[in-house]
PDB file of N, CA and C in Angstrom:
ATOM      1  N   MET A   1       0.907  -1.364  -0.135  1.00  0.00           N
ATOM      2  CA  MET A   1       0.070  -0.097   0.075  1.00  0.00           C
ATOM      3  C   MET A   1       0.973   1.123  -0.204  1.00  0.00           C
ATOM      4  N   TYR A   2       0.948   1.809  -0.827  1.00  0.00           N
ATOM      5  CA  TYR A   2       1.323   3.255  -1.468  1.00  0.00           C
ATOM      6  C   TYR A   2       0.968   4.482   0.299  1.00  0.00           C
ATOM      7  N   HIS A   3       1.345   5.133   0.333  1.00  0.00           N
ATOM      8  CA  HIS A   3       1.231   6.523   1.070  1.00  0.00           C
ATOM      9  C   HIS A   3      -0.009   7.320   0.566  1.00  0.00           C
ATOM     10  N   GLY A   4       0.245   7.397  -1.015  1.00  0.00           N
ATOM     11  CA  GLY A   4      -0.885   7.974  -1.359  1.00  0.00           C
ATOM     12  C   GLY A   4      -2.257   7.552  -1.836  1.00  0.00           C
ATOM     13  N   ASP A   5      -2.133   6.221  -1.495  1.00  0.00           N
ATOM     14  CA  ASP A   5      -3.652   5.306  -1.520  1.00  0.00           C
ATOM     15  C   ASP A   5      -4.753   6.308  -1.183  1.00  0.00           C
ATOM     16  N   TYR A   6      -4.779   7.398   0.080  1.00  0.00           N
ATOM     17  CA  TYR A   6      -5.726   8.059   0.511  1.00  0.00           C
ATOM     18  C   TYR A   6      -6.282   8.981  -1.028  1.00  0.00           C
ATOM     19  N   LYS A   7      -6.020   8.932  -1.899  1.00  0.00           N
ATOM     20  CA  LYS A   7      -6.032   9.548  -3.221  1.00  0.00           C
ATOM     21  C   LYS A   7      -7.330   8.793  -3.552  1.00  0.00           C
ATOM     22  N   TRP A   8      -7.654   7.729  -3.613  1.00  0.00           N
ATOM     23  CA  TRP A   8      -8.459   6.864  -4.054  1.00  0.00           C
ATOM     24  C   TRP A   8      -9.805   7.071  -3.115  1.00  0.00           C
ATOM     25  N   ALA A   9      -9.584   7.574  -1.987  1.00  0.00           N
ATOM     26  CA  ALA A   9     -10.824   7.566  -1.018  1.00  0.00           C
ATOM     27  C   ALA A   9     -11.305   9.270  -1.125  1.00  0.00           C
ATOM     28  N   GLN A  10     -10.285  10.063  -1.660  1.00  0.00           N
ATOM     29  CA  GLN A  10     -10.776  11.124  -2.202  1.00  0.00           C
ATOM     30  C   GLN A  10     -11.551  11.515  -3.269  1.00  0.00           C
ATOM     31  N   TRP A  11     -11.042  10.770  -4.291  1.00  0.00           N
ATOM     32  CA  TRP A  11     -11.593  10.679  -5.685  1.00  0.00           C
ATOM     33  C   TRP A  11     -13.357  10.412  -5.152  1.00  0.00           C
ATOM     34  N   LEU A  12     -13.560   8.934  -4.537  1.00  0.00           N
ATOM     35  CA  LEU A  12     -14.857   8.590  -4.209  1.00  0.00           C
ATOM     36  C   LEU A  12     -15.455   9.199  -3.610  1.00  0.00           C
ATOM     37  N   LEU A  13     -15.149   9.751  -2.683  1.00  0.00           N
ATOM     38  CA  LEU A  13     -16.135  11.145  -1.642  1.00  0.00           C
ATOM     39  C   LEU A  13     -16.250  12.459  -2.998  1.00  0.00           C
ATOM     40  N   PHE A  14     -15.226  12.651  -3.842  1.00  0.00           N
ATOM     41  CA  PHE A  14     -15.257  13.830  -4.640  1.00  0.00           C
ATOM     42  C   PHE A  14     -16.240  13.522  -5.966  1.00  0.00           C
ATOM     43  N   SER A  15     -16.175  12.497  -6.083  1.00  0.00           N
ATOM     44  CA  SER A  15     -17.092  11.825  -7.344  1.00  0.00           C
ATOM     45  C   SER A  15     -18.509  12.056  -7.115  1.00  0.00           C
ATOM     46  N   ARG A  16     -18.930  11.626  -5.620  1.00  0.00           N
ATOM     47  CA  ARG A  16     -20.268  11.766  -5.126  1.00  0.00           C
ATOM     48  C   ARG A  16     -20.845  12.981  -5.253  1.00  0.00           C
ATOM     49  N   VAL A  17     -19.709  14.161  -5.273  1.00  0.00           N
ATOM     50  CA  VAL A  17     -20.600  15.180  -4.977  1.00  0.00           C
ATOM     51  C   VAL A  17     -20.655  16.289  -6.038  1.00  0.00           C
ATOM     52  N   LYS A  18     -21.844  16.764  -6.492  1.00  0.00           N
ATOM     53  CA  LYS A  18     -21.897  17.600  -7.571  1.00  0.00           C
ATOM     54  C   LYS A  18     -21.133  18.934  -7.397  1.00  0.00           C
ATOM     55  N   GLY A  19     -20.957  19.387  -8.908  1.00  0.00           N
ATOM     56  CA  GLY A  19     -19.510  20.842  -8.332  1.00  0.00           C
ATOM     57  C   GLY A  19     -17.972  20.162  -8.450  1.00  0.00           C
ATOM     58  N   TYR A  20     -17.934  19.112  -7.362  1.00  0.00           N
ATOM     59  CA  TYR A  20     -16.942  18.539  -7.078  1.00  0.00           C
ATOM     60  C   TYR A  20     -15.764  17.574  -8.599  1.00  0.00           C
ATOM     61  N   GLU A  21     -16.230  18.107  -9.372  1.00  0.00           N
ATOM     62  CA  GLU A  21     -15.903  16.683 -10.718  1.00  0.00           C
ATOM     63  C   GLU A  21     -14.609  16.914 -10.886  1.00  0.00           C
ATOM     64  N   TYR A  22     -13.928  18.393 -10.913  1.00  0.00           N
ATOM     65  CA  TYR A  22     -12.689  18.659 -11.277  1.00  0.00           C
ATOM     66  C   TYR A  22     -11.401  18.285 -10.126  1.00  0.00           C
ATOM     67  N   GLU A  23     -12.050  18.122  -8.838  1.00  0.00           N
ATOM     68  CA  GLU A  23     -11.174  17.719  -7.616  1.00  0.00           C
ATOM     69  C   GLU A  23     -11.094  15.735  -7.782  1.00  0.00           C
ATOM     70  N   ALA A  24     -12.269  15.555  -7.995  1.00  0.00           N
ATOM     71  CA  ALA A  24     -12.325  14.049  -8.280  1.00  0.00           C
ATOM     72  C   ALA A  24     -11.362  13.383  -9.115  1.00  0.00           C
ATOM     73  N   SER A  25     -11.336  14.349 -10.496  1.00  0.00           N
ATOM     74  CA  SER A  25     -10.394  13.966 -11.665  1.00  0.00           C
ATOM     75  C   SER A  25      -9.163  13.854 -11.225  1.00  0.00           C
ATOM     76  N   PHE A  26      -9.033  15.137 -10.604  1.00  0.00           N
ATOM     77  CA  PHE A  26      -7.284  15.559  -9.764  1.00  0.00           C
ATOM     78  C   PHE A  26      -6.837  14.424  -9.014  1.00  0.00           C
ATOM     79  N   SER A  27      -7.534  13.805  -8.080  1.00  0.00           N
ATOM     80  CA  SER A  27      -7.542  12.812  -6.808  1.00  0.00           C
ATOM     81  C   SER A  27      -7.166  11.708  -7.544  1.00  0.00           C
ATOM     82  N   ASN A  28      -8.516  11.346  -8.695  1.00  0.00           N
ATOM     83  CA  ASN A  28      -8.155   9.924  -9.393  1.00  0.00           C
ATOM     84  C   ASN A  28      -6.533   9.730 -10.130  1.00  0.00           C
ATOM     85  N   ALA A  29      -6.239  11.152 -10.649  1.00  0.00           N
ATOM     86  CA  ALA A  29      -5.387  10.981 -11.343  1.00  0.00           C
ATOM     87  C   ALA A  29      -3.894  11.049 -10.741  1.00  0.00           C
ATOM     88  N   LEU A  30      -4.087  11.685  -9.189  1.00  0.00           N
ATOM     89  CA  LEU A  30      -3.021  11.482  -8.224  1.00  0.00           C
ATOM     90  C   LEU A  30      -2.647   9.794  -7.873  1.00  0.00           C
ATOM     91  N   TRP A  31      -3.886   9.309  -7.782  1.00  0.00           N
ATOM     92  CA  TRP A  31      -3.995   8.252  -7.158  1.00  0.00           C
ATOM     93  C   TRP A  31      -3.330   7.232  -7.757  1.00  0.00           C
ATOM     94  N   ASN A  32      -3.709   7.196  -9.619  1.00  0.00           N
ATOM     95  CA  ASN A  32      -2.927   6.376 -10.766  1.00  0.00           C
ATOM     96  C   ASN A  32      -1.272   6.765 -11.237  1.00  0.00           C
ATOM     97  N   LEU A  33      -1.363   8.076 -11.238  1.00  0.00           N
ATOM     98  CA  LEU A  33       0.186   8.284 -11.351  1.00  0.00           C
ATOM     99  C   LEU A  33       1.273   8.071 -10.713  1.00  0.00           C
ATOM    100  N   PRO A  34       1.144   8.175  -9.602  1.00  0.00           N
ATOM    101  CA  PRO A  34       2.108   8.060  -8.444  1.00  0.00           C
ATOM    102  C   PRO A  34       2.563   6.655  -8.392  1.00  0.00           C
ATOM    103  N   GLN A  35       1.211   6.081  -8.556  1.00  0.00           N
ATOM    104  CA  GLN A  35       1.912   4.252  -8.181  1.00  0.00           C
ATOM    105  C   GLN A  35       2.875   3.954  -9.796  1.00  0.00           C
ATOM    106  N   GLU A  36       2.724   4.507 -10.793  1.00  0.00           N
ATOM    107  CA  GLU A  36       3.249   4.296 -12.261  1.00  0.00           C
ATOM    108  C   GLU A  36       4.961   4.979 -11.658  1.00  0.00           C
ATOM    109  N   MET A  37       4.579   5.620 -11.000  1.00  0.00           N
ATOM    110  CA  MET A  37       6.185   6.889 -10.875  1.00  0.00           C
ATOM    111  C   MET A  37       6.670   5.989  -9.764  1.00  0.00           C
ATOM    112  N   VAL A  38       6.247   5.576  -8.772  1.00  0.00           N
ATOM    113  CA  VAL A  38       6.902   4.889  -7.833  1.00  0.00           C
ATOM    114  C   VAL A  38       7.537   3.300  -8.451  1.00  0.00           C
ATOM    115  N   ARG A  39       6.682   2.720  -9.640  1.00  0.00           N
ATOM    116  CA  ARG A  39       7.667   1.911 -10.033  1.00  0.00           C
ATOM    117  C   ARG A  39       8.485   1.793 -11.092  1.00  0.00           C
ATOM    118  N   HIS A  40       8.574   3.300 -11.301  1.00  0.00           N
ATOM    119  CA  HIS A  40       9.458   3.427 -12.552  1.00  0.00           C
ATOM    120  C   HIS A  40      10.786   4.568 -11.914  1.00  0.00           C
ATOM    121  N   SER A  41      10.640   4.635 -10.466  1.00  0.00           N
ATOM    122  CA  SER A  41      11.445   5.364 -10.105  1.00  0.00           C
ATOM    123  C   SER A  41      11.959   5.162  -8.851  1.00  0.00           C
ATOM    124  N   ASN A  42      13.026   5.787  -8.118  1.00  0.00           N
ATOM    125  CA  ASN A  42      13.597   5.295  -6.887  1.00  0.00           C
ATOM    126  C   ASN A  42      12.837   6.216  -5.704  1.00  0.00           C
ATOM    127  N   LEU A  43      11.948   7.281  -6.226  1.00  0.00           N
ATOM    128  CA  LEU A  43      11.202   7.924  -5.191  1.00  0.00           C
ATOM    129  C   LEU A  43      10.164   7.290  -4.485  1.00  0.00           C
ATOM    130  N   PRO A  44      10.081   7.539  -3.081  1.00  0.00           N
ATOM    131  CA  PRO A  44       8.934   6.696  -2.384  1.00  0.00           C
ATOM    132  C   PRO A  44       7.369   7.856  -2.825  1.00  0.00           C
ATOM    133  N   ALA A  45       6.322   7.206  -2.508  1.00  0.00           N
ATOM    134  CA  ALA A  45       5.097   7.422  -2.861  1.00  0.00           C
ATOM    135  C   ALA A  45       4.963   9.176  -2.098  1.00  0.00           C
ATOM    136  N   ILE A  46       5.520   9.357  -0.788  1.00  0.00           N
ATOM    137  CA  ILE A  46       5.265  10.515  -0.303  1.00  0.00           C
ATOM    138  C   ILE A  46       5.875  11.407  -1.097  1.00  0.00           C
ATOM    139  N   GLU A  47       7.289  11.499  -1.630  1.00  0.00           N
ATOM    140  CA  GLU A  47       7.893  12.813  -2.209  1.00  0.00           C
ATOM    141  C   GLU A  47       6.955  12.780  -3.674  1.00  0.00           C
ATOM    142  N   ILE A  48       6.676  11.670  -4.390  1.00  0.00           N
ATOM    143  CA  ILE A  48       5.814  11.977  -5.403  1.00  0.00           C
ATOM    144  C   ILE A  48       4.975  12.708  -5.036  1.00  0.00           C
ATOM    145  N   ASP A  49       4.063  12.754  -4.128  1.00  0.00           N
ATOM    146  CA  ASP A  49       2.819  13.534  -3.672  1.00  0.00           C
ATOM    147  C   ASP A  49       2.965  15.100  -3.612  1.00  0.00           C
ATOM    148  N   LYS A  50       4.611  15.179  -3.554  1.00  0.00           N
ATOM    149  CA  LYS A  50       4.957  16.633  -3.336  1.00  0.00           C
ATOM    150  C   LYS A  50       5.139  17.204  -4.922  1.00  0.00           C
ATOM    151  N   ILE A  51       5.649  16.103  -5.373  1.00  0.00           N
ATOM    152  CA  ILE A  51       6.093  16.785  -7.125  1.00  0.00           C
ATOM    153  C   ILE A  51       4.955  16.933  -8.219  1.00  0.00           C
ATOM    154  N   LEU A  52       3.355  16.136  -7.575  1.00  0.00           N
ATOM    155  CA  LEU A  52       2.608  16.537  -8.395  1.00  0.00           C
ATOM    156  C   LEU A  52       1.533  17.415  -7.745  1.00  0.00           C
ATOM    157  N   TYR A  53       1.458  18.753  -7.772  1.00  0.00           N
ATOM    158  CA  TYR A  53       0.883  19.329  -7.401  1.00  0.00           C
ATOM    159  C   TYR A  53      -0.094  20.192  -8.227  1.00  0.00           C
ATOM    160  N   THR A  54       0.324  20.452 -10.016  1.00  0.00           N
ATOM    161  CA  THR A  54      -0.559  20.964 -10.467  1.00  0.00           C
ATOM    162  C   THR A  54      -0.656  19.940 -11.735  1.00  0.00           C
ATOM    163  N   VAL A  55      -1.963  20.106 -12.381  1.00  0.00           N
ATOM    164  CA  VAL A  55      -2.163  19.422 -13.413  1.00  0.00           C
ATOM    165  C   VAL A  55      -0.835  19.325 -14.566  1.00  0.00           C
ATOM    166  N   ASP A  56      -0.114  20.709 -14.463  1.00  0.00           N
ATOM    167  CA  ASP A  56       1.028  20.734 -15.449  1.00  0.00           C
ATOM    168  C   ASP A  56       2.338  19.871 -15.043  1.00  0.00           C
ATOM    169  N   ASP A  57       2.238  19.454 -13.359  1.00  0.00           N
ATOM    170  CA  ASP A  57       3.343  18.471 -13.088  1.00  0.00           C
ATOM    171  C   ASP A  57       2.713  17.409 -13.831  1.00  0.00           C
ATOM    172  N   MET A  58       1.537  16.872 -13.504  1.00  0.00           N
ATOM    173  CA  MET A  58       1.014  15.390 -14.339  1.00  0.00           C
ATOM    174  C   MET A  58       1.336  15.296 -15.155  1.00  0.00           C
ATOM    175  N   ALA A  59       1.484  16.712 -16.397  1.00  0.00           N
ATOM    176  CA  ALA A  59       1.600  16.195 -17.671  1.00  0.00           C
ATOM    177  C   ALA A  59       3.161  16.254 -17.604  1.00  0.00           C
ATOM    178  N   GLU A  60       3.401  17.069 -17.078  1.00  0.00           N
ATOM    179  CA  GLU A  60       4.936  17.208 -17.075  1.00  0.00           C
ATOM    180  C   GLU A  60       5.841  15.584 -17.307  1.00  0.00           C
ATOM    181  N   GLN A  61       5.139  14.790 -15.879  1.00  0.00           N
ATOM    182  CA  GLN A  61       6.139  13.494 -15.349  1.00  0.00           C
ATOM    183  C   GLN A  61       5.653  12.510 -16.250  1.00  0.00           C
ATOM    184  N   ILE A  62       4.352  12.202 -16.613  1.00  0.00           N
ATOM    185  CA  ILE A  62       4.163  11.145 -17.284  1.00  0.00           C
ATOM    186  C   ILE A  62       2.868  10.881 -17.731  1.00  0.00           C
ATOM    187  N   GLY A  63       1.517  11.781 -17.959  1.00  0.00           N
ATOM    188  CA  GLY A  63       0.416  11.794 -18.258  1.00  0.00           C
ATOM    189  C   GLY A  63      -0.237  13.068 -18.664  1.00  0.00           C
ATOM    190  N   GLU A  64      -0.155  13.224 -19.782  1.00  0.00           N
ATOM    191  CA  GLU A  64      -0.705  14.339 -21.051  1.00  0.00           C
ATOM    192  C   GLU A  64      -1.385  13.751 -20.776  1.00  0.00           C
ATOM    193  N   MET A  65      -2.270  12.908 -20.951  1.00  0.00           N
ATOM    194  CA  MET A  65      -3.642  12.682 -21.371  1.00  0.00           C
ATOM    195  C   MET A  65      -4.638  12.687 -20.055  1.00  0.00           C
ATOM    196  N   SER A  66      -4.045  12.383 -18.931  1.00  0.00           N
ATOM    197  CA  SER A  66      -4.686  12.252 -17.802  1.00  0.00           C
ATOM    198  C   SER A  66      -4.764  13.656 -17.153  1.00  0.00           C
ATOM    199  N   ALA A  67      -3.778  14.760 -17.666  1.00  0.00           N
ATOM    200  CA  ALA A  67      -3.881  15.776 -17.841  1.00  0.00           C
ATOM    201  C   ALA A  67      -4.676  16.671 -18.273  1.00  0.00           C
ATOM    202  N   LEU A  68      -4.571  16.446 -19.517  1.00  0.00           N
ATOM    203  CA  LEU A  68      -5.859  17.238 -20.544  1.00  0.00           C
ATOM    204  C   LEU A  68      -7.483  16.849 -20.123  1.00  0.00           C
ATOM    205  N   ALA A  69      -7.681  15.075 -19.548  1.00  0.00           N
ATOM    206  CA  ALA A  69      -8.809  14.914 -18.945  1.00  0.00           C
ATOM    207  C   ALA A  69      -9.089  15.538 -18.178  1.00  0.00           C
ATOM    208  N   THR A  70      -8.538  15.883 -17.115  1.00  0.00           N
ATOM    209  CA  THR A  70      -8.514  16.241 -15.942  1.00  0.00           C
ATOM    210  C   THR A  70      -9.175  17.979 -16.065  1.00  0.00           C
ATOM    211  N   LEU A  71      -8.140  18.284 -16.908  1.00  0.00           N
ATOM    212  CA  LEU A  71      -8.126  19.835 -16.929  1.00  0.00           C
ATOM    213  C   LEU A  71     -10.089  20.570 -17.856  1.00  0.00           C
ATOM    214  N   MET A  72     -10.258  19.421 -18.538  1.00  0.00           N
ATOM    215  CA  MET A  72     -12.183  19.248 -18.531  1.00  0.00           C
ATOM    216  C   MET A  72     -12.585  19.288 -17.471  1.00  0.00           C
ATOM    217  N   TYR A  73     -12.656  19.237 -16.622  1.00  0.00           N
ATOM    218  CA  TYR A  73     -13.177  19.817 -15.639  1.00  0.00           C
ATOM    219  C   TYR A  73     -12.734  20.912 -14.170  1.00  0.00           C
ATOM    220  N   ALA A  74     -11.604  21.592 -14.667  1.00  0.00           N
ATOM    221  CA  ALA A  74     -11.440  22.660 -13.983  1.00  0.00           C
ATOM    222  C   ALA A  74     -12.460  23.431 -13.853  1.00  0.00           C
ATOM    223  N   SER A  75     -13.030  24.405 -12.987  1.00  0.00           N
ATOM    224  CA  SER A  75     -13.916  24.972 -12.673  1.00  0.00           C
ATOM    225  C   SER A  75     -13.478  26.705 -13.575  1.00  0.00           C
ATOM    226  N   PRO A  76     -12.178  26.999 -13.661  1.00  0.00           N
ATOM    227  CA  PRO A  76     -11.899  27.876 -14.451  1.00  0.00           C
ATOM    228  C   PRO A  76     -12.066  27.514 -16.239  1.00  0.00           C
ATOM    229  N   PRO A  77     -12.343  28.716 -16.637  1.00  0.00           N
ATOM    230  CA  PRO A  77     -12.243  28.320 -18.215  1.00  0.00           C
ATOM    231  C   PRO A  77     -11.206  28.020 -18.653  1.00  0.00           C
ATOM    232  N   ILE A  78     -10.985  27.094 -19.758  1.00  0.00           N
ATOM    233  CA  ILE A  78      -9.457  27.013 -20.759  1.00  0.00           C
ATOM    234  C   ILE A  78      -8.713  27.908 -20.793  1.00  0.00           C
ATOM    235  N   GLN A  79      -9.158  28.397 -20.759  1.00  0.00           N
ATOM    236  CA  GLN A  79      -8.314  30.210 -21.492  1.00  0.00           C
ATOM    237  C   GLN A  79      -7.353  30.349 -20.337  1.00  0.00           C
ATOM    238  N   LYS A  80      -7.709  30.064 -18.772  1.00  0.00           N
ATOM    239  CA  LYS A  80      -7.058  30.137 -17.657  1.00  0.00           C
ATOM    240  C   LYS A  80      -6.429  29.306 -17.055  1.00  0.00           C
ATOM    241  N   SER A  81      -6.528  28.383 -17.536  1.00  0.00           N
ATOM    242  CA  SER A  81      -6.005  26.923 -17.489  1.00  0.00           C
ATOM    243  C   SER A  81      -4.616  26.551 -17.855  1.00  0.00           C
ATOM    244  N   ILE A  82      -4.997  26.661 -19.310  1.00  0.00           N
ATOM    245  CA  ILE A  82      -3.721  26.545 -20.282  1.00  0.00           C
ATOM    246  C   ILE A  82      -2.665  28.212 -20.576  1.00  0.00           C
ATOM    247  N   CYS A  83      -1.437  27.743 -19.905  1.00  0.00           N
ATOM    248  CA  CYS A  83      -0.632  28.948 -20.455  1.00  0.00           C
ATOM    249  C   CYS A  83       0.478  28.626 -21.868  1.00  0.00           C
ATOM    250  N   SER A  84       1.643  29.875 -21.748  1.00  0.00           N
ATOM    251  CA  SER A  84       2.301  29.043 -22.276  1.00  0.00           C
ATOM    252  C   SER A  84       3.676  29.961 -21.111  1.00  0.00           C
ATOM    253  N   GLY A  85       4.973  28.775 -21.579  1.00  0.00           N
ATOM    254  CA  GLY A  85       6.091  29.080 -20.728  1.00  0.00           C
ATOM    255  C   GLY A  85       5.990  28.251 -19.296  1.00  0.00           C
ATOM    256  N   SER A  86       5.367  28.639 -18.392  1.00  0.00           N
ATOM    257  CA  SER A  86       5.594  28.347 -17.304  1.00  0.00           C
ATOM    258  C   SER A  86       4.337  28.835 -16.341  1.00  0.00           C
ATOM    259  N   VAL A  87       3.962  27.824 -15.437  1.00  0.00           N
ATOM    260  CA  VAL A  87       3.001  28.052 -14.394  1.00  0.00           C
ATOM    261  C   VAL A  87       3.039  29.076 -13.175  1.00  0.00           C
ATOM    262  N   ASN A  88       2.159  29.755 -13.176  1.00  0.00           N
ATOM    263  CA  ASN A  88       2.093  30.420 -11.602  1.00  0.00           C
ATOM    264  C   ASN A  88       2.060  30.052 -10.195  1.00  0.00           C
ATOM    265  N   ARG A  89       2.955  29.280 -10.300  1.00  0.00           N
ATOM    266  CA  ARG A  89       2.671  28.476  -8.604  1.00  0.00           C
ATOM    267  C   ARG A  89       2.246  29.319  -7.464  1.00  0.00           C
ATOM    268  N   ASN A  90       2.095  30.497  -7.507  1.00  0.00           N
ATOM    269  CA  ASN A  90       1.747  31.817  -6.398  1.00  0.00           C
ATOM    270  C   ASN A  90       0.259  31.915  -6.420  1.00  0.00           C
ATOM    271  N   ARG A  91      -0.429  31.555  -7.475  1.00  0.00           N
ATOM    272  CA  ARG A  91      -1.934  31.705  -7.460  1.00  0.00           C
ATOM    273  C   ARG A  91      -2.566  30.512  -7.049  1.00  0.00           C
ATOM    274  N   GLY A  92      -1.568  29.074  -6.764  1.00  0.00           N
ATOM    275  CA  GLY A  92      -2.372  28.284  -5.817  1.00  0.00           C
ATOM    276  C   GLY A  92      -3.536  27.803  -6.805  1.00  0.00           C
ATOM    277  N   MET A  93      -3.162  27.450  -8.034  1.00  0.00           N
ATOM    278  CA  MET A  93      -4.257  26.747  -9.007  1.00  0.00           C
ATOM    279  C   MET A  93      -3.974  25.733  -9.563  1.00  0.00           C
ATOM    280  N   SER A  94      -4.568  24.664  -8.910  1.00  0.00           N
ATOM    281  CA  SER A  94      -3.775  23.161  -9.711  1.00  0.00           C
ATOM    282  C   SER A  94      -4.304  23.214 -10.621  1.00  0.00           C
ATOM    283  N   SER A  95      -4.835  23.846 -11.621  1.00  0.00           N
ATOM    284  CA  SER A  95      -6.102  23.566 -12.559  1.00  0.00           C
ATOM    285  C   SER A  95      -5.001  24.349 -13.868  1.00  0.00           C
ATOM    286  N   GLN A  96      -3.697  24.528 -13.725  1.00  0.00           N
ATOM    287  CA  GLN A  96      -2.974  25.134 -14.797  1.00  0.00           C
ATOM    288  C   GLN A  96      -2.016  24.328 -15.150  1.00  0.00           C
ATOM    289  N   CYS A  97      -1.918  24.210 -16.501  1.00  0.00           N
ATOM    290  CA  CYS A  97      -0.842  23.736 -17.269  1.00  0.00           C
ATOM    291  C   CYS A  97      -0.218  24.422 -18.602  1.00  0.00           C
ATOM    292  N   THR A  98       0.762  24.038 -18.974  1.00  0.00           N
ATOM    293  CA  THR A  98       1.152  24.977 -20.343  1.00  0.00           C
ATOM    294  C   THR A  98       1.136  24.011 -21.520  1.00  0.00           C
ATOM    295  N   LEU A  99       1.207  24.271 -22.276  1.00  0.00           N
ATOM    296  CA  LEU A  99       0.601  23.951 -23.846  1.00  0.00           C
ATOM    297  C   LEU A  99       2.152  22.977 -24.360  1.00  0.00           C
ATOM    298  N   GLU A 100       3.164  23.214 -23.676  1.00  0.00           N
ATOM    299  CA  GLU A 100       4.426  22.887 -23.976  1.00  0.00           C
ATOM    300  C   GLU A 100       4.433  21.397 -23.234  1.00  0.00           C
ATOM    301  N   ASN A 101       3.956  21.528 -22.466  1.00  0.00           N
ATOM    302  CA  ASN A 101       3.537  20.035 -21.568  1.00  0.00           C
ATOM    303  C   ASN A 101       2.694  19.251 -21.956  1.00  0.00           C
ATOM    304  N   LEU A 102       1.226  19.564 -22.486  1.00  0.00           N
ATOM    305  CA  LEU A 102       0.256  18.832 -23.328  1.00  0.00           C
ATOM    306  C   LEU A 102       1.027  18.502 -24.778  1.00  0.00           C
ATOM    307  N   GLY A 103       1.796  19.155 -25.215  1.00  0.00           N
ATOM    308  CA  GLY A 103       2.361  19.081 -26.814  1.00  0.00           C
ATOM    309  C   GLY A 103       2.520  17.751 -27.148  1.00  0.00           C
ATOM    310  N   PRO A 104       3.213  16.421 -26.398  1.00  0.00           N
ATOM    311  CA  PRO A 104       2.963  15.427 -27.101  1.00  0.00           C
ATOM    312  C   PRO A 104       1.693  14.636 -27.303  1.00  0.00           C
ATOM    313  N   CYS A 105       0.838  15.144 -26.492  1.00  0.00           N
ATOM    314  CA  CYS A 105      -0.590  14.657 -26.045  1.00  0.00           C
ATOM    315  C   CYS A 105      -1.544  14.846 -27.673  1.00  0.00           C
ATOM    316  N   LEU A 106      -1.393  16.050 -27.241  1.00  0.00           N
ATOM    317  CA  LEU A 106      -1.990  17.004 -28.545  1.00  0.00           C
ATOM    318  C   LEU A 106      -1.690  16.891 -29.914  1.00  0.00           C
ATOM    319  N   GLN A 107      -0.387  16.321 -30.180  1.00  0.00           N
ATOM    320  CA  GLN A 107       0.035  16.231 -31.510  1.00  0.00           C
ATOM    321  C   GLN A 107      -0.714  15.189 -32.059  1.00  0.00           C
ATOM    322  N   GLN A 108      -1.520  14.374 -31.763  1.00  0.00           N
ATOM    323  CA  GLN A 108      -2.107  13.148 -31.669  1.00  0.00           C
ATOM    324  C   GLN A 108      -3.771  13.716 -32.353  1.00  0.00           C
ATOM    325  N   PHE A 109      -3.856  14.504 -31.958  1.00  0.00           N
ATOM    326  CA  PHE A 109      -5.082  15.759 -32.101  1.00  0.00           C
ATOM    327  C   PHE A 109      -5.477  16.646 -32.789  1.00  0.00           C
ATOM    328  N   PRO A 110      -4.787  17.179 -34.049  1.00  0.00           N
ATOM    329  CA  PRO A 110      -4.683  18.376 -34.550  1.00  0.00           C
ATOM    330  C   PRO A 110      -5.702  19.343 -34.668  1.00  0.00           C
ATOM    331  N   THR A 111      -7.007  18.871 -34.717  1.00  0.00           N
ATOM    332  CA  THR A 111      -7.884  19.517 -34.610  1.00  0.00           C
ATOM    333  C   THR A 111      -8.496  20.172 -32.670  1.00  0.00           C
ATOM    334  N   LEU A 112      -8.128  19.332 -32.340  1.00  0.00           N
ATOM    335  CA  LEU A 112      -8.394  19.698 -30.450  1.00  0.00           C
ATOM    336  C   LEU A 112      -6.848  20.461 -30.565  1.00  0.00           C
ATOM    337  N   CYS A 113      -5.827  20.433 -30.790  1.00  0.00           N
ATOM    338  CA  CYS A 113      -4.621  21.360 -31.075  1.00  0.00           C
ATOM    339  C   CYS A 113      -5.102  22.552 -30.879  1.00  0.00           C
ATOM    340  N   LYS A 114      -5.295  22.894 -32.718  1.00  0.00           N
ATOM    341  CA  LYS A 114      -5.408  23.843 -32.998  1.00  0.00           C
ATOM    342  C   LYS A 114      -6.883  24.780 -32.468  1.00  0.00           C
ATOM    343  N   THR A 115      -7.865  23.916 -31.870  1.00  0.00           N
ATOM    344  CA  THR A 115      -9.093  24.647 -31.313  1.00  0.00           C
ATOM    345  C   THR A 115      -8.356  25.448 -29.779  1.00  0.00           C
ATOM    346  N   LEU A 116      -7.695  24.385 -28.808  1.00  0.00           N
ATOM    347  CA  LEU A 116      -7.157  25.129 -27.692  1.00  0.00           C
ATOM    348  C   LEU A 116      -6.202  26.048 -28.111  1.00  0.00           C
ATOM    349  N   LEU A 117      -5.316  26.236 -29.010  1.00  0.00           N
ATOM    350  CA  LEU A 117      -4.229  27.487 -29.311  1.00  0.00           C
ATOM    351  C   LEU A 117      -5.099  28.263 -29.929  1.00  0.00           C
ATOM    352  N   SER A 118      -6.457  28.435 -30.422  1.00  0.00           N
ATOM    353  CA  SER A 118      -7.058  29.846 -31.077  1.00  0.00           C
ATOM    354  C   SER A 118      -7.757  30.116 -29.665  1.00  0.00           C
ATOM    355  N   THR A 119      -8.384  29.275 -29.157  1.00  0.00           N
ATOM    356  CA  THR A 119      -9.148  29.630 -27.613  1.00  0.00           C
ATOM    357  C   THR A 119      -8.433  30.310 -26.421  1.00  0.00           C
ATOM    358  N   CYS A 120      -6.817  29.566 -26.177  1.00  0.00           N
ATOM    359  CA  CYS A 120      -6.179  30.473 -25.346  1.00  0.00           C
ATOM    360  C   CYS A 120      -5.491  31.311 -25.642  1.00  0.00           C
ATOM    361  N   PHE A 121      -5.123  31.506 -26.936  1.00  0.00           N
ATOM    362  CA  PHE A 121      -3.975  32.169 -27.635  1.00  0.00           C
ATOM    363  C   PHE A 121      -4.701  33.322 -28.290  1.00  0.00           C
ATOM    364  N   GLY A 122      -5.489  33.220 -28.932  1.00  0.00           N
ATOM    365  CA  GLY A 122      -6.433  34.357 -30.210  1.00  0.00           C
ATOM    366  C   GLY A 122      -6.074  33.691 -31.132  1.00  0.00           C
TER     367      GLY A 122
END
């Protein structure tokens, strides 16, 4: 059992409460991704929990598709969640992600990529 196993319980609770779809999706991704990271790295799960703070961290580490799916449930508009360059960690928003970290995933879906680019950057 990993330290991050409580994320599964968070997912279960959040998924039952209307309006907490983003938190449920984020918790689900944080439960799944650290298990993969623990298997493929020397880091203990407790350290991985500290690494995965934003959706951008999720995308950067190993889960572009999980990051993109999680962003779909974020309460801020997608234009406020996707940025270029780096995320602003001082804002305290976990739903931030850079276009660069979503790039590998978006290349598979050119229409989605084009739509996100025009929506987020004009």
